[in-house]
Amino acid sequence: MIAVIPARGGSRRIPKKNIKKFHDIPIIAYSIEAAEKSGLFDRIIVSTDDTSIANVARRYGAEIHVRPKALADNNIGTQEVAQDVLKTVSADPDYSCVIYATSPLLAVEDLRRGLDLLKSNRSLSYAYSTDELGSDAGCFYWGKTWSFICGDPLHENSINVPISEDRVCDINTFDDWNRALEMHKKLGGNHGS
């Protein structure tokens, strides 16, 4: 199984967001560490167009896939990035997981539950918040690899992976960042466990 972590360099609202220090650790390291601790993945691949991000990701144990310039635009979705990575791997993994680079509250158990739910004859499982809105948690989703490669992982045969709202923070602005810092502190500063 393969984990793909999309991390482009051109973040506008929070400059260098994907490697900005989050409690003294580059934020992307939390995602890499959760993937490693889960024991689920044969390979953890960071897709990036940025040398600084690549260097940090390598330091924390990830492989690097150099993202083509055409896929480094702000409007490119994570599915297209995953498709680009998975088309280049020599193996043929049954399942793949996209993990967002800014997911410091992600737990190993979340990833394991996501895979278990995917295996219940689904094509996609994605993290969603247990808050009243039941919105996308913005931290990961699993899919069958063929579905990514064919470009259609987000179809009707999907299932939700509930994430408690005290661990859901989609980080897009400095307000989101500060809120995630407070949430992380309330959880005892644990990550990836």
Protein backbone atom coordinates (compact mmCIF):
# COMPACT_ATOMS: atom_id res chain seq x y z
CA MET A 1 0.00 0.00 0.00
CA ILE A 2 1.14 3.51 -0.76
CA ALA A 3 0.63 6.81 1.03
CA VAL A 4 0.71 9.93 -1.14
CA ILE A 5 1.25 13.27 0.61
CA PRO A 6 0.64 16.23 -1.72
CA ALA A 7 2.77 19.24 -0.71
CA ARG A 8 3.25 21.99 -3.25
CA GLY A 9 5.42 24.98 -2.51
CA GLY A 10 3.21 27.89 -3.56
CA SER A 11 1.02 28.35 -0.49
CA ARG A 12 -0.29 31.91 -0.59
CA ARG A 13 -2.22 32.51 2.62
CA ILE A 14 0.36 30.84 4.87
CA PRO A 15 3.77 31.07 3.17
CA LYS A 16 5.73 27.78 3.23
CA LYS A 17 2.77 26.26 5.06
CA ASN A 18 3.72 22.63 4.48
CA ILE A 19 7.06 22.95 6.29
CA LYS A 20 6.18 25.72 8.74
CA LYS A 21 7.08 24.73 12.32
CA PHE A 22 4.10 23.45 14.30
CA HIS A 23 5.18 23.16 17.95
CA ASP A 24 8.82 23.16 16.76
CA ILE A 25 8.31 20.41 14.15
CA PRO A 26 7.69 20.97 10.41
CA ILE A 27 3.96 20.32 10.03
CA ILE A 28 4.43 17.80 7.21
CA ALA A 29 6.43 15.62 9.64
CA TYR A 30 3.23 14.83 11.57
CA SER A 31 1.63 13.30 8.47
CA ILE A 32 4.76 11.34 7.56
CA GLU A 33 5.09 10.08 11.13
CA ALA A 34 1.44 8.99 11.35
CA ALA A 35 1.84 7.05 8.09
CA GLU A 36 5.05 5.42 9.35
CA LYS A 37 3.64 4.52 12.78
CA SER A 38 0.54 2.96 11.23
CA GLY A 39 2.66 0.18 9.71
CA LEU A 40 0.24 0.09 6.78
CA PHE A 41 2.39 1.46 3.97
CA ASP A 42 5.13 -0.04 1.86
CA ARG A 43 5.98 3.43 0.60
CA ILE A 44 5.29 6.99 1.77
CA ILE A 45 5.68 9.40 -1.12
CA VAL A 46 5.58 13.19 -0.91
CA SER A 47 4.63 14.85 -4.20
CA THR A 48 6.16 18.31 -4.37
CA ASP A 49 7.52 20.93 -6.73
CA ASP A 50 9.57 22.58 -3.96
CA THR A 51 13.17 21.70 -3.02
CA SER A 52 12.81 22.87 0.59
CA ILE A 53 9.76 20.66 1.12
CA ALA A 54 11.56 17.73 -0.53
CA ASN A 55 14.55 18.13 1.79
CA VAL A 56 12.39 18.26 4.92
CA ALA A 57 10.28 15.29 3.82
CA ARG A 58 13.37 13.18 3.10
CA ARG A 59 14.76 14.06 6.52
CA TYR A 60 11.62 12.57 8.10
CA GLY A 61 11.77 9.39 6.02
CA ALA A 62 9.54 9.99 3.00
CA GLU A 63 10.33 9.36 -0.66
CA ILE A 64 10.01 12.27 -3.08
CA HIS A 65 8.07 12.44 -6.31
CA VAL A 66 8.93 15.58 -8.26
CA ARG A 67 5.61 17.08 -9.25
CA PRO A 68 5.34 18.37 -12.81
CA LYS A 69 4.85 22.13 -13.13
CA ALA A 70 1.44 21.54 -14.74
CA LEU A 71 0.25 19.92 -11.48
CA ALA A 72 1.66 22.59 -9.15
CA ASP A 73 -1.14 25.07 -9.71
CA ASN A 74 -3.49 26.08 -6.89
CA ASN A 75 -6.47 24.70 -8.82
CA ILE A 76 -5.13 21.15 -9.15
CA GLY A 77 -6.88 18.64 -6.90
CA THR A 78 -5.26 15.99 -4.75
CA GLN A 79 -6.80 13.22 -6.88
CA GLU A 80 -4.83 14.39 -9.91
CA VAL A 81 -1.65 14.54 -7.83
CA ALA A 82 -2.22 11.00 -6.51
CA GLN A 83 -2.92 9.76 -10.02
CA ASP A 84 0.37 11.26 -11.24
CA VAL A 85 2.33 9.53 -8.44
CA LEU A 86 0.60 6.16 -8.70
CA LYS A 87 1.09 5.93 -12.48
CA THR A 88 4.85 5.96 -11.89
CA VAL A 89 5.15 3.24 -9.23
CA SER A 90 6.41 -0.12 -10.44
CA ALA A 91 4.33 -2.18 -8.01
CA ASP A 92 0.57 -2.51 -8.27
CA PRO A 93 -0.77 -1.82 -4.76
CA ASP A 94 -4.39 -2.70 -4.05
CA TYR A 95 -5.02 0.38 -1.94
CA SER A 96 -3.60 3.89 -1.68
CA CYS A 97 -4.15 6.73 0.75
CA VAL A 98 -3.88 10.48 0.23
CA ILE A 99 -2.77 12.16 3.46
CA TYR A 100 -2.81 15.93 3.68
CA ALA A 101 0.50 17.58 4.58
CA THR A 102 -1.12 19.79 7.21
CA SER A 103 -2.74 17.13 9.43
CA PRO A 104 -1.01 17.41 12.81
CA LEU A 105 -4.02 15.97 14.67
CA LEU A 106 -4.20 12.81 12.55
CA ALA A 107 -3.98 9.57 14.55
CA VAL A 108 -2.75 6.17 13.43
CA GLU A 109 -6.11 4.66 14.40
CA ASP A 110 -7.85 7.00 11.94
CA LEU A 111 -5.81 5.56 9.07
CA ARG A 112 -6.44 1.99 10.19
CA ARG A 113 -10.19 2.53 10.48
CA GLY A 114 -10.20 4.16 7.06
CA LEU A 115 -8.60 1.10 5.50
CA ASP A 116 -10.92 -1.31 7.32
CA LEU A 117 -13.95 0.62 6.09
CA LEU A 118 -12.58 0.74 2.54
CA LYS A 119 -12.22 -3.03 2.60
CA SER A 120 -15.93 -3.36 3.35
CA ASN A 121 -16.47 -3.47 -0.41
CA ARG A 122 -16.10 0.27 -0.97
CA SER A 123 -14.04 2.22 -3.49
CA LEU A 124 -13.36 5.21 -1.25
CA SER A 125 -13.28 6.05 2.45
CA TYR A 126 -12.70 9.60 3.57
CA ALA A 127 -12.31 11.38 6.89
CA TYR A 128 -15.24 13.52 7.95
CA SER A 129 -16.02 15.52 11.06
CA THR A 130 -18.55 14.34 13.60
CA ASP A 131 -19.68 17.96 14.08
CA GLU A 132 -23.21 19.02 13.15
CA LEU A 133 -22.22 19.79 9.55
CA GLY A 134 -20.58 16.40 8.99
CA SER A 135 -18.06 18.11 6.73
CA ASP A 136 -14.88 16.82 5.12
CA ALA A 137 -12.21 16.65 7.83
CA GLY A 138 -9.48 17.59 5.35
CA CYS A 139 -6.89 15.09 6.56
CA PHE A 140 -6.96 11.89 4.45
CA TYR A 141 -8.88 9.57 2.16
CA TRP A 142 -8.33 5.98 1.02
CA GLY A 143 -9.13 4.53 -2.36
CA LYS A 144 -8.57 1.48 -4.51
CA THR A 145 -5.45 2.23 -6.55
CA TRP A 146 -7.08 1.41 -9.89
CA SER A 147 -9.74 3.97 -9.05
CA PHE A 148 -7.12 6.70 -8.58
CA ILE A 149 -5.29 5.75 -11.76
CA CYS A 150 -8.52 5.74 -13.78
CA GLY A 151 -9.22 9.19 -12.37
CA ASP A 152 -12.52 8.41 -10.64
CA PRO A 153 -12.04 7.72 -6.92
CA LEU A 154 -14.82 10.01 -5.73
CA HIS A 155 -17.90 8.19 -6.90
CA GLU A 156 -20.98 6.98 -5.05
CA ASN A 157 -19.48 3.81 -3.56
CA SER A 158 -17.84 5.65 -0.65
CA ILE A 159 -17.99 5.54 3.13
CA ASN A 160 -17.21 8.07 5.86
CA VAL A 161 -14.48 7.68 8.47
CA PRO A 162 -15.74 9.68 11.48
CA ILE A 163 -13.15 11.93 13.17
CA SER A 164 -14.10 13.60 16.46
CA GLU A 165 -14.48 17.35 16.04
CA ASP A 166 -11.81 18.07 18.67
CA ARG A 167 -9.28 16.73 16.13
CA VAL A 168 -10.61 18.36 12.97
CA CYS A 169 -8.96 21.51 11.71
CA ASP A 170 -8.56 22.11 7.98
CA ILE A 171 -5.62 24.55 7.97
CA ASN A 172 -5.94 27.26 5.32
CA THR A 173 -5.49 30.52 7.23
CA PHE A 174 -3.44 31.79 10.19
CA ASP A 175 -6.63 31.59 12.30
CA ASP A 176 -6.94 27.90 11.39
CA TRP A 177 -3.27 27.42 12.25
CA ASN A 178 -3.62 29.02 15.67
CA ARG A 179 -6.77 27.03 16.38
CA ALA A 180 -4.95 23.80 15.47
CA LEU A 181 -2.11 24.73 17.83
CA GLU A 182 -4.61 25.14 20.69
CA MET A 183 -6.38 21.88 19.82
CA HIS A 184 -3.06 20.04 19.71
CA LYS A 185 -2.14 21.45 23.12
CA LYS A 186 -5.49 20.36 24.62
CA LEU A 187 -4.91 16.84 23.33
CA GLY A 188 -1.69 16.74 25.31
CA GLY A 189 0.59 17.43 22.39
CA ASN A 190 0.28 13.86 21.10
CA HIS A 191 0.38 13.16 17.39
CA GLY A 192 0.61 10.12 15.17
CA SER A 193 -0.36 7.76 18.00
